[in-house]
Amino acid sequence: WRIRSRRRLALQPDLALVDLGLPGIDGYELARRVRQAPQGQHLTLIALTGYGAPEQKARALAAGFDVHLVKPVDAPSLSALLAQPGTAGRARGARAQSSPQ
């Protein structure tokens, strides 16, 4: 994980859509690790998940995600979110939202 993730962070992406139910390492741990890296401080992390309970949203935001979206995500809503000025690179905690269900 370390070598590959460091290479990816070296690319300095503005935004990452991350599924919480990843094999091997879950999205919560991935978010924590990304946030620990200097390059991950200004990355916008969006949790894209089937876990929609309020405690799951709180856990995602506490792990370092900026936004929590529940699948299936409405494509126009996701597009609008991605098009918002300042979405990419916005500091952690500035926004927190869930997709309507």
PDB file of N, CA and C in Angstrom:
ATOM      1  N   TRP A   1       0.826  -1.190   0.000  1.00  0.00           N
ATOM      2  CA  TRP A   1       0.000   0.000   0.000  1.00  0.00           C
ATOM      3  C   TRP A   1       0.865   1.247   0.000  1.00  0.00           C
ATOM      4  N   ARG A   2       1.885   1.308   0.819  1.00  0.00           N
ATOM      5  CA  ARG A   2       2.670   2.528   0.957  1.00  0.00           C
ATOM      6  C   ARG A   2       3.275   3.028  -0.341  1.00  0.00           C
ATOM      7  N   ILE A   3       3.972   2.164  -1.041  1.00  0.00           N
ATOM      8  CA  ILE A   3       4.669   2.597  -2.253  1.00  0.00           C
ATOM      9  C   ILE A   3       3.670   3.082  -3.296  1.00  0.00           C
ATOM     10  N   ARG A   4       2.644   2.303  -3.543  1.00  0.00           N
ATOM     11  CA  ARG A   4       1.662   2.704  -4.551  1.00  0.00           C
ATOM     12  C   ARG A   4       0.913   3.954  -4.144  1.00  0.00           C
ATOM     13  N   SER A   5       0.525   4.069  -2.883  1.00  0.00           N
ATOM     14  CA  SER A   5      -0.234   5.244  -2.461  1.00  0.00           C
ATOM     15  C   SER A   5       0.621   6.497  -2.501  1.00  0.00           C
ATOM     16  N   ARG A   6       1.888   6.384  -2.155  1.00  0.00           N
ATOM     17  CA  ARG A   6       2.771   7.550  -2.232  1.00  0.00           C
ATOM     18  C   ARG A   6       2.920   8.017  -3.672  1.00  0.00           C
ATOM     19  N   ARG A   7       3.003   7.068  -4.589  1.00  0.00           N
ATOM     20  CA  ARG A   7       3.087   7.451  -6.004  1.00  0.00           C
ATOM     21  C   ARG A   7       1.816   8.160  -6.437  1.00  0.00           C
ATOM     22  N   ARG A   8       0.681   7.657  -6.003  1.00  0.00           N
ATOM     23  CA  ARG A   8      -0.586   8.288  -6.380  1.00  0.00           C
ATOM     24  C   ARG A   8      -0.694   9.678  -5.777  1.00  0.00           C
ATOM     25  N   LEU A   9      -0.310   9.835  -4.520  1.00  0.00           N
ATOM     26  CA  LEU A   9      -0.353  11.151  -3.903  1.00  0.00           C
ATOM     27  C   LEU A   9       0.657  12.089  -4.538  1.00  0.00           C
ATOM     28  N   ALA A  10       1.748  11.549  -5.037  1.00  0.00           N
ATOM     29  CA  ALA A  10       2.748  12.381  -5.709  1.00  0.00           C
ATOM     30  C   ALA A  10       2.156  13.030  -6.957  1.00  0.00           C
ATOM     31  N   LEU A  11       1.122  12.413  -7.518  1.00  0.00           N
ATOM     32  CA  LEU A  11       0.435  13.003  -8.668  1.00  0.00           C
ATOM     33  C   LEU A  11      -0.373  14.233  -8.266  1.00  0.00           C
ATOM     34  N   GLN A  12      -0.612  14.397  -6.990  1.00  0.00           N
ATOM     35  CA  GLN A  12      -1.355  15.503  -6.400  1.00  0.00           C
ATOM     36  C   GLN A  12      -2.754  15.670  -7.002  1.00  0.00           C
ATOM     37  N   PRO A  13      -3.570  14.632  -6.878  1.00  0.00           N
ATOM     38  CA  PRO A  13      -4.948  14.762  -7.363  1.00  0.00           C
ATOM     39  C   PRO A  13      -5.701  15.785  -6.525  1.00  0.00           C
ATOM     40  N   ASP A  14      -6.740  16.353  -7.101  1.00  0.00           N
ATOM     41  CA  ASP A  14      -7.577  17.312  -6.388  1.00  0.00           C
ATOM     42  C   ASP A  14      -8.704  16.623  -5.634  1.00  0.00           C
ATOM     43  N   LEU A  15      -9.117  15.460  -6.130  1.00  0.00           N
ATOM     44  CA  LEU A  15     -10.315  14.816  -5.608  1.00  0.00           C
ATOM     45  C   LEU A  15     -10.204  13.306  -5.756  1.00  0.00           C
ATOM     46  N   ALA A  16     -10.803  12.573  -4.819  1.00  0.00           N
ATOM     47  CA  ALA A  16     -10.851  11.112  -4.914  1.00  0.00           C
ATOM     48  C   ALA A  16     -12.234  10.631  -4.487  1.00  0.00           C
ATOM     49  N   LEU A  17     -12.843   9.787  -5.313  1.00  0.00           N
ATOM     50  CA  LEU A  17     -14.080   9.087  -4.963  1.00  0.00           C
ATOM     51  C   LEU A  17     -13.659   7.730  -4.426  1.00  0.00           C
ATOM     52  N   VAL A  18     -14.048   7.416  -3.193  1.00  0.00           N
ATOM     53  CA  VAL A  18     -13.575   6.199  -2.539  1.00  0.00           C
ATOM     54  C   VAL A  18     -14.756   5.402  -2.008  1.00  0.00           C
ATOM     55  N   ASP A  19     -14.810   4.125  -2.375  1.00  0.00           N
ATOM     56  CA  ASP A  19     -15.810   3.216  -1.819  1.00  0.00           C
ATOM     57  C   ASP A  19     -15.348   2.819  -0.421  1.00  0.00           C
ATOM     58  N   LEU A  20     -16.252   2.792   0.536  1.00  0.00           N
ATOM     59  CA  LEU A  20     -15.869   2.439   1.907  1.00  0.00           C
ATOM     60  C   LEU A  20     -15.607   0.952   2.070  1.00  0.00           C
ATOM     61  N   GLY A  21     -16.231   0.121   1.253  1.00  0.00           N
ATOM     62  CA  GLY A  21     -16.097  -1.324   1.384  1.00  0.00           C
ATOM     63  C   GLY A  21     -15.003  -1.900   0.502  1.00  0.00           C
ATOM     64  N   LEU A  22     -13.803  -1.404   0.630  1.00  0.00           N
ATOM     65  CA  LEU A  22     -12.681  -1.895  -0.174  1.00  0.00           C
ATOM     66  C   LEU A  22     -12.132  -3.196   0.398  1.00  0.00           C
ATOM     67  N   PRO A  23     -11.622  -4.071  -0.451  1.00  0.00           N
ATOM     68  CA  PRO A  23     -10.989  -5.290   0.062  1.00  0.00           C
ATOM     69  C   PRO A  23      -9.595  -4.989   0.609  1.00  0.00           C
ATOM     70  N   GLY A  24      -9.246  -5.640   1.685  1.00  0.00           N
ATOM     71  CA  GLY A  24      -7.902  -5.479   2.251  1.00  0.00           C
ATOM     72  C   GLY A  24      -7.777  -4.297   3.188  1.00  0.00           C
ATOM     73  N   ILE A  25      -8.156  -3.131   2.738  1.00  0.00           N
ATOM     74  CA  ILE A  25      -8.131  -1.915   3.559  1.00  0.00           C
ATOM     75  C   ILE A  25      -9.434  -1.180   3.267  1.00  0.00           C
ATOM     76  N   ASP A  26     -10.187  -0.867   4.304  1.00  0.00           N
ATOM     77  CA  ASP A  26     -11.462  -0.203   4.038  1.00  0.00           C
ATOM     78  C   ASP A  26     -11.248   1.287   3.769  1.00  0.00           C
ATOM     79  N   GLY A  27     -12.275   1.915   3.256  1.00  0.00           N
ATOM     80  CA  GLY A  27     -12.194   3.328   2.901  1.00  0.00           C
ATOM     81  C   GLY A  27     -11.907   4.234   4.081  1.00  0.00           C
ATOM     82  N   TYR A  28     -12.363   3.855   5.261  1.00  0.00           N
ATOM     83  CA  TYR A  28     -12.104   4.665   6.461  1.00  0.00           C
ATOM     84  C   TYR A  28     -10.598   4.731   6.741  1.00  0.00           C
ATOM     85  N   GLU A  29      -9.952   3.572   6.696  1.00  0.00           N
ATOM     86  CA  GLU A  29      -8.507   3.528   6.938  1.00  0.00           C
ATOM     87  C   GLU A  29      -7.756   4.241   5.824  1.00  0.00           C
ATOM     88  N   LEU A  30      -8.208   4.080   4.606  1.00  0.00           N
ATOM     89  CA  LEU A  30      -7.579   4.775   3.493  1.00  0.00           C
ATOM     90  C   LEU A  30      -7.642   6.288   3.706  1.00  0.00           C
ATOM     91  N   ALA A  31      -8.805   6.788   4.105  1.00  0.00           N
ATOM     92  CA  ALA A  31      -8.955   8.232   4.352  1.00  0.00           C
ATOM     93  C   ALA A  31      -8.020   8.695   5.468  1.00  0.00           C
ATOM     94  N   ARG A  32      -7.941   7.922   6.551  1.00  0.00           N
ATOM     95  CA  ARG A  32      -7.037   8.300   7.650  1.00  0.00           C
ATOM     96  C   ARG A  32      -5.593   8.381   7.172  1.00  0.00           C
ATOM     97  N   ARG A  33      -5.180   7.404   6.383  1.00  0.00           N
ATOM     98  CA  ARG A  33      -3.795   7.388   5.881  1.00  0.00           C
ATOM     99  C   ARG A  33      -3.531   8.537   4.915  1.00  0.00           C
ATOM    100  N   VAL A  34      -4.492   8.808   4.051  1.00  0.00           N
ATOM    101  CA  VAL A  34      -4.335   9.925   3.112  1.00  0.00           C
ATOM    102  C   VAL A  34      -4.199  11.233   3.880  1.00  0.00           C
ATOM    103  N   ARG A  35      -5.026  11.417   4.888  1.00  0.00           N
ATOM    104  CA  ARG A  35      -4.997  12.669   5.661  1.00  0.00           C
ATOM    105  C   ARG A  35      -3.701  12.828   6.454  1.00  0.00           C
ATOM    106  N   GLN A  36      -3.043  11.733   6.787  1.00  0.00           N
ATOM    107  CA  GLN A  36      -1.769  11.809   7.514  1.00  0.00           C
ATOM    108  C   GLN A  36      -0.632  12.271   6.615  1.00  0.00           C
ATOM    109  N   ALA A  37      -0.765  12.067   5.325  1.00  0.00           N
ATOM    110  CA  ALA A  37       0.280  12.467   4.381  1.00  0.00           C
ATOM    111  C   ALA A  37       0.157  13.957   4.078  1.00  0.00           C
ATOM    112  N   PRO A  38       1.271  14.672   4.021  1.00  0.00           N
ATOM    113  CA  PRO A  38       1.201  16.108   3.712  1.00  0.00           C
ATOM    114  C   PRO A  38       0.460  16.391   2.399  1.00  0.00           C
ATOM    115  N   GLN A  39       0.632  15.513   1.408  1.00  0.00           N
ATOM    116  CA  GLN A  39      -0.021  15.709   0.125  1.00  0.00           C
ATOM    117  C   GLN A  39      -1.525  15.470   0.192  1.00  0.00           C
ATOM    118  N   GLY A  40      -1.993  14.817   1.238  1.00  0.00           N
ATOM    119  CA  GLY A  40      -3.410  14.489   1.356  1.00  0.00           C
ATOM    120  C   GLY A  40      -4.228  15.498   2.131  1.00  0.00           C
ATOM    121  N   GLN A  41      -3.592  16.537   2.625  1.00  0.00           N
ATOM    122  CA  GLN A  41      -4.290  17.519   3.449  1.00  0.00           C
ATOM    123  C   GLN A  41      -5.342  18.310   2.678  1.00  0.00           C
ATOM    124  N   HIS A  42      -5.078  18.597   1.414  1.00  0.00           N
ATOM    125  CA  HIS A  42      -5.992  19.446   0.641  1.00  0.00           C
ATOM    126  C   HIS A  42      -6.764  18.681  -0.420  1.00  0.00           C
ATOM    127  N   LEU A  43      -6.642  17.373  -0.392  1.00  0.00           N
ATOM    128  CA  LEU A  43      -7.371  16.515  -1.312  1.00  0.00           C
ATOM    129  C   LEU A  43      -8.827  16.426  -0.853  1.00  0.00           C
ATOM    130  N   THR A  44      -9.754  16.607  -1.768  1.00  0.00           N
ATOM    131  CA  THR A  44     -11.167  16.423  -1.444  1.00  0.00           C
ATOM    132  C   THR A  44     -11.470  14.936  -1.529  1.00  0.00           C
ATOM    133  N   LEU A  45     -11.910  14.360  -0.413  1.00  0.00           N
ATOM    134  CA  LEU A  45     -12.249  12.938  -0.356  1.00  0.00           C
ATOM    135  C   LEU A  45     -13.763  12.782  -0.295  1.00  0.00           C
ATOM    136  N   ILE A  46     -14.297  12.027  -1.232  1.00  0.00           N
ATOM    137  CA  ILE A  46     -15.732  11.770  -1.284  1.00  0.00           C
ATOM    138  C   ILE A  46     -15.959  10.281  -1.057  1.00  0.00           C
ATOM    139  N   ALA A  47     -16.687   9.953   0.004  1.00  0.00           N
ATOM    140  CA  ALA A  47     -17.063   8.566   0.273  1.00  0.00           C
ATOM    141  C   ALA A  47     -18.265   8.231  -0.596  1.00  0.00           C
ATOM    142  N   LEU A  48     -18.132   7.207  -1.389  1.00  0.00           N
ATOM    143  CA  LEU A  48     -19.200   6.723  -2.259  1.00  0.00           C
ATOM    144  C   LEU A  48     -19.520   5.317  -1.780  1.00  0.00           C
ATOM    145  N   THR A  49     -20.695   5.139  -1.161  1.00  0.00           N
ATOM    146  CA  THR A  49     -20.930   3.917  -0.409  1.00  0.00           C
ATOM    147  C   THR A  49     -22.386   3.485  -0.385  1.00  0.00           C
ATOM    148  N   GLY A  50     -22.588   2.246  -0.036  1.00  0.00           N
ATOM    149  CA  GLY A  50     -23.926   1.727   0.204  1.00  0.00           C
ATOM    150  C   GLY A  50     -24.327   1.862   1.662  1.00  0.00           C
ATOM    151  N   TYR A  51     -23.394   2.331   2.495  1.00  0.00           N
ATOM    152  CA  TYR A  51     -23.645   2.495   3.930  1.00  0.00           C
ATOM    153  C   TYR A  51     -24.242   3.872   4.181  1.00  0.00           C
ATOM    154  N   GLY A  52     -25.554   3.924   4.425  1.00  0.00           N
ATOM    155  CA  GLY A  52     -26.224   5.213   4.537  1.00  0.00           C
ATOM    156  C   GLY A  52     -26.713   5.601   5.911  1.00  0.00           C
ATOM    157  N   ALA A  53     -26.458   4.767   6.914  1.00  0.00           N
ATOM    158  CA  ALA A  53     -26.928   5.082   8.266  1.00  0.00           C
ATOM    159  C   ALA A  53     -26.184   6.308   8.805  1.00  0.00           C
ATOM    160  N   PRO A  54     -26.841   7.091   9.664  1.00  0.00           N
ATOM    161  CA  PRO A  54     -26.197   8.290  10.221  1.00  0.00           C
ATOM    162  C   PRO A  54     -24.850   8.004  10.893  1.00  0.00           C
ATOM    163  N   GLU A  55     -24.744   6.870  11.569  1.00  0.00           N
ATOM    164  CA  GLU A  55     -23.469   6.557  12.229  1.00  0.00           C
ATOM    165  C   GLU A  55     -22.366   6.249  11.208  1.00  0.00           C
ATOM    166  N   GLN A  56     -22.745   5.718  10.044  1.00  0.00           N
ATOM    167  CA  GLN A  56     -21.760   5.478   8.985  1.00  0.00           C
ATOM    168  C   GLN A  56     -21.275   6.796   8.395  1.00  0.00           C
ATOM    169  N   LYS A  57     -22.202   7.742   8.225  1.00  0.00           N
ATOM    170  CA  LYS A  57     -21.820   9.069   7.730  1.00  0.00           C
ATOM    171  C   LYS A  57     -20.872   9.733   8.724  1.00  0.00           C
ATOM    172  N   ALA A  58     -21.223   9.682  10.000  1.00  0.00           N
ATOM    173  CA  ALA A  58     -20.372  10.289  11.028  1.00  0.00           C
ATOM    174  C   ALA A  58     -18.994   9.639  11.048  1.00  0.00           C
ATOM    175  N   ARG A  59     -18.957   8.335  10.903  1.00  0.00           N
ATOM    176  CA  ARG A  59     -17.670   7.617  10.894  1.00  0.00           C
ATOM    177  C   ARG A  59     -16.828   8.034   9.682  1.00  0.00           C
ATOM    178  N   ALA A  60     -17.476   8.186   8.519  1.00  0.00           N
ATOM    179  CA  ALA A  60     -16.753   8.593   7.306  1.00  0.00           C
ATOM    180  C   ALA A  60     -16.175   9.996   7.473  1.00  0.00           C
ATOM    181  N   LEU A  61     -16.964  10.912   7.981  1.00  0.00           N
ATOM    182  CA  LEU A  61     -16.485  12.285   8.167  1.00  0.00           C
ATOM    183  C   LEU A  61     -15.369  12.334   9.210  1.00  0.00           C
ATOM    184  N   ALA A  62     -15.500  11.544  10.264  1.00  0.00           N
ATOM    185  CA  ALA A  62     -14.460  11.496  11.298  1.00  0.00           C
ATOM    186  C   ALA A  62     -13.157  10.903  10.753  1.00  0.00           C
ATOM    187  N   ALA A  63     -13.257  10.002   9.784  1.00  0.00           N
ATOM    188  CA  ALA A  63     -12.072   9.378   9.199  1.00  0.00           C
ATOM    189  C   ALA A  63     -11.328  10.325   8.258  1.00  0.00           C
ATOM    190  N   GLY A  64     -12.012  11.388   7.815  1.00  0.00           N
ATOM    191  CA  GLY A  64     -11.344  12.357   6.954  1.00  0.00           C
ATOM    192  C   GLY A  64     -12.036  12.665   5.648  1.00  0.00           C
ATOM    193  N   PHE A  65     -13.185  12.050   5.404  1.00  0.00           N
ATOM    194  CA  PHE A  65     -13.911  12.357   4.176  1.00  0.00           C
ATOM    195  C   PHE A  65     -14.558  13.732   4.286  1.00  0.00           C
ATOM    196  N   ASP A  66     -14.644  14.428   3.155  1.00  0.00           N
ATOM    197  CA  ASP A  66     -15.304  15.734   3.096  1.00  0.00           C
ATOM    198  C   ASP A  66     -16.797  15.589   2.816  1.00  0.00           C
ATOM    199  N   VAL A  67     -17.139  14.569   2.038  1.00  0.00           N
ATOM    200  CA  VAL A  67     -18.516  14.360   1.591  1.00  0.00           C
ATOM    201  C   VAL A  67     -18.830  12.878   1.683  1.00  0.00           C
ATOM    202  N   HIS A  68     -20.065  12.550   2.053  1.00  0.00           N
ATOM    203  CA  HIS A  68     -20.534  11.170   2.157  1.00  0.00           C
ATOM    204  C   HIS A  68     -21.724  11.018   1.217  1.00  0.00           C
ATOM    205  N   LEU A  69     -21.576  10.219   0.171  1.00  0.00           N
ATOM    206  CA  LEU A  69     -22.651   9.979  -0.791  1.00  0.00           C
ATOM    207  C   LEU A  69     -23.066   8.521  -0.735  1.00  0.00           C
ATOM    208  N   VAL A  70     -24.379   8.288  -0.760  1.00  0.00           N
ATOM    209  CA  VAL A  70     -24.917   6.930  -0.692  1.00  0.00           C
ATOM    210  C   VAL A  70     -25.332   6.469  -2.083  1.00  0.00           C
ATOM    211  N   LYS A  71     -24.891   5.241  -2.428  1.00  0.00           N
ATOM    212  CA  LYS A  71     -25.270   4.639  -3.712  1.00  0.00           C
ATOM    213  C   LYS A  71     -26.734   4.225  -3.670  1.00  0.00           C
ATOM    214  N   PRO A  72     -27.410   4.247  -4.773  1.00  0.00           N
ATOM    215  CA  PRO A  72     -26.936   4.757  -6.050  1.00  0.00           C
ATOM    216  C   PRO A  72     -26.930   6.283  -6.033  1.00  0.00           C
ATOM    217  N   VAL A  73     -25.871   6.861  -6.514  1.00  0.00           N
ATOM    218  CA  VAL A  73     -25.733   8.310  -6.550  1.00  0.00           C
ATOM    219  C   VAL A  73     -26.377   8.827  -7.822  1.00  0.00           C
ATOM    220  N   ASP A  74     -27.143   9.853  -7.664  1.00  0.00           N
ATOM    221  CA  ASP A  74     -27.776  10.511  -8.792  1.00  0.00           C
ATOM    222  C   ASP A  74     -26.686  11.226  -9.599  1.00  0.00           C
ATOM    223  N   ALA A  75     -26.512  10.842 -10.857  1.00  0.00           N
ATOM    224  CA  ALA A  75     -25.432  11.385 -11.691  1.00  0.00           C
ATOM    225  C   ALA A  75     -25.468  12.911 -11.786  1.00  0.00           C
ATOM    226  N   PRO A  76     -26.634  13.539 -11.993  1.00  0.00           N
ATOM    227  CA  PRO A  76     -26.638  15.007 -12.041  1.00  0.00           C
ATOM    228  C   PRO A  76     -26.201  15.643 -10.706  1.00  0.00           C
ATOM    229  N   SER A  77     -26.555  15.016  -9.596  1.00  0.00           N
ATOM    230  CA  SER A  77     -26.129  15.547  -8.293  1.00  0.00           C
ATOM    231  C   SER A  77     -24.625  15.442  -8.124  1.00  0.00           C
ATOM    232  N   LEU A  78     -24.055  14.313  -8.530  1.00  0.00           N
ATOM    233  CA  LEU A  78     -22.609  14.136  -8.450  1.00  0.00           C
ATOM    234  C   LEU A  78     -21.905  15.132  -9.367  1.00  0.00           C
ATOM    235  N   SER A  79     -22.415  15.305 -10.570  1.00  0.00           N
ATOM    236  CA  SER A  79     -21.829  16.268 -11.501  1.00  0.00           C
ATOM    237  C   SER A  79     -21.867  17.678 -10.933  1.00  0.00           C
ATOM    238  N   ALA A  80     -22.983  18.037 -10.315  1.00  0.00           N
ATOM    239  CA  ALA A  80     -23.105  19.371  -9.713  1.00  0.00           C
ATOM    240  C   ALA A  80     -22.098  19.542  -8.577  1.00  0.00           C
ATOM    241  N   LEU A  81     -21.926  18.520  -7.771  1.00  0.00           N
ATOM    242  CA  LEU A  81     -20.957  18.575  -6.677  1.00  0.00           C
ATOM    243  C   LEU A  81     -19.548  18.769  -7.219  1.00  0.00           C
ATOM    244  N   LEU A  82     -19.197  18.011  -8.242  1.00  0.00           N
ATOM    245  CA  LEU A  82     -17.855  18.095  -8.820  1.00  0.00           C
ATOM    246  C   LEU A  82     -17.613  19.428  -9.510  1.00  0.00           C
ATOM    247  N   ALA A  83     -18.677  20.058  -9.985  1.00  0.00           N
ATOM    248  CA  ALA A  83     -18.542  21.330 -10.689  1.00  0.00           C
ATOM    249  C   ALA A  83     -18.508  22.535  -9.750  1.00  0.00           C
ATOM    250  N   GLN A  84     -18.791  22.324  -8.468  1.00  0.00           N
ATOM    251  CA  GLN A  84     -18.801  23.448  -7.533  1.00  0.00           C
ATOM    252  C   GLN A  84     -17.423  24.086  -7.447  1.00  0.00           C
ATOM    253  N   PRO A  85     -17.375  25.403  -7.528  1.00  0.00           N
ATOM    254  CA  PRO A  85     -16.080  26.064  -7.358  1.00  0.00           C
ATOM    255  C   PRO A  85     -15.492  25.716  -5.998  1.00  0.00           C
ATOM    256  N   GLY A  86     -14.236  25.378  -5.999  1.00  0.00           N
ATOM    257  CA  GLY A  86     -13.567  25.084  -4.734  1.00  0.00           C
ATOM    258  C   GLY A  86     -13.741  23.673  -4.240  1.00  0.00           C
ATOM    259  N   THR A  87     -14.449  22.813  -4.981  1.00  0.00           N
ATOM    260  CA  THR A  87     -14.613  21.436  -4.527  1.00  0.00           C
ATOM    261  C   THR A  87     -13.257  20.765  -4.389  1.00  0.00           C
ATOM    262  N   ALA A  88     -12.442  20.862  -5.408  1.00  0.00           N
ATOM    263  CA  ALA A  88     -11.129  20.225  -5.381  1.00  0.00           C
ATOM    264  C   ALA A  88     -10.202  20.989  -4.459  1.00  0.00           C
ATOM    265  N   GLY A  89      -9.601  20.265  -3.545  1.00  0.00           N
ATOM    266  CA  GLY A  89      -8.614  20.865  -2.671  1.00  0.00           C
ATOM    267  C   GLY A  89      -9.180  21.636  -1.497  1.00  0.00           C
ATOM    268  N   ARG A  90     -10.483  21.590  -1.291  1.00  0.00           N
ATOM    269  CA  ARG A  90     -11.063  22.293  -0.148  1.00  0.00           C
ATOM    270  C   ARG A  90     -10.636  21.604   1.129  1.00  0.00           C
ATOM    271  N   ALA A  91     -10.326  22.368   2.151  1.00  0.00           N
ATOM    272  CA  ALA A  91      -9.841  21.805   3.414  1.00  0.00           C
ATOM    273  C   ALA A  91     -10.878  20.874   4.026  1.00  0.00           C
ATOM    274  N   ARG A  92     -10.408  19.829   4.660  1.00  0.00           N
ATOM    275  CA  ARG A  92     -11.247  18.839   5.328  1.00  0.00           C
ATOM    276  C   ARG A  92     -12.181  19.512   6.325  1.00  0.00           C
ATOM    277  N   GLY A  93     -13.423  19.049   6.307  1.00  0.00           N
ATOM    278  CA  GLY A  93     -14.389  19.538   7.277  1.00  0.00           C
ATOM    279  C   GLY A  93     -15.155  20.761   6.818  1.00  0.00           C
ATOM    280  N   ALA A  94     -14.792  21.337   5.695  1.00  0.00           N
ATOM    281  CA  ALA A  94     -15.480  22.532   5.230  1.00  0.00           C
ATOM    282  C   ALA A  94     -16.884  22.196   4.764  1.00  0.00           C
ATOM    283  N   ARG A  95     -17.052  20.963   4.246  1.00  0.00           N
ATOM    284  CA  ARG A  95     -18.360  20.527   3.778  1.00  0.00           C
ATOM    285  C   ARG A  95     -18.628  19.131   4.261  1.00  0.00           C
ATOM    286  N   ALA A  96     -19.869  18.850   4.493  1.00  0.00           N
ATOM    287  CA  ALA A  96     -20.265  17.484   4.830  1.00  0.00           C
ATOM    288  C   ALA A  96     -21.694  17.313   4.365  1.00  0.00           C
ATOM    289  N   GLN A  97     -21.917  16.367   3.498  1.00  0.00           N
ATOM    290  CA  GLN A  97     -23.270  16.168   3.008  1.00  0.00           C
ATOM    291  C   GLN A  97     -23.484  14.716   2.657  1.00  0.00           C
ATOM    292  N   SER A  98     -24.751  14.370   2.529  1.00  0.00           N
ATOM    293  CA  SER A  98     -25.137  13.033   2.075  1.00  0.00           C
ATOM    294  C   SER A  98     -26.070  13.217   0.914  1.00  0.00           C
ATOM    295  N   SER A  99     -26.118  12.219   0.072  1.00  0.00           N
ATOM    296  CA  SER A  99     -27.082  12.260  -1.017  1.00  0.00           C
ATOM    297  C   SER A  99     -28.458  12.016  -0.428  1.00  0.00           C
ATOM    298  N   PRO A 100     -29.489  12.643  -0.974  1.00  0.00           N
ATOM    299  CA  PRO A 100     -30.840  12.442  -0.441  1.00  0.00           C
ATOM    300  C   PRO A 100     -31.320  11.019  -0.690  1.00  0.00           C
ATOM    301  N   GLN A 101     -31.994  10.475   0.258  1.00  0.00           N
ATOM    302  CA  GLN A 101     -32.542   9.119   0.126  1.00  0.00           C
ATOM    303  C   GLN A 101     -34.003   9.140   0.484  1.00  0.00           C
TER     304      GLN A 101
END
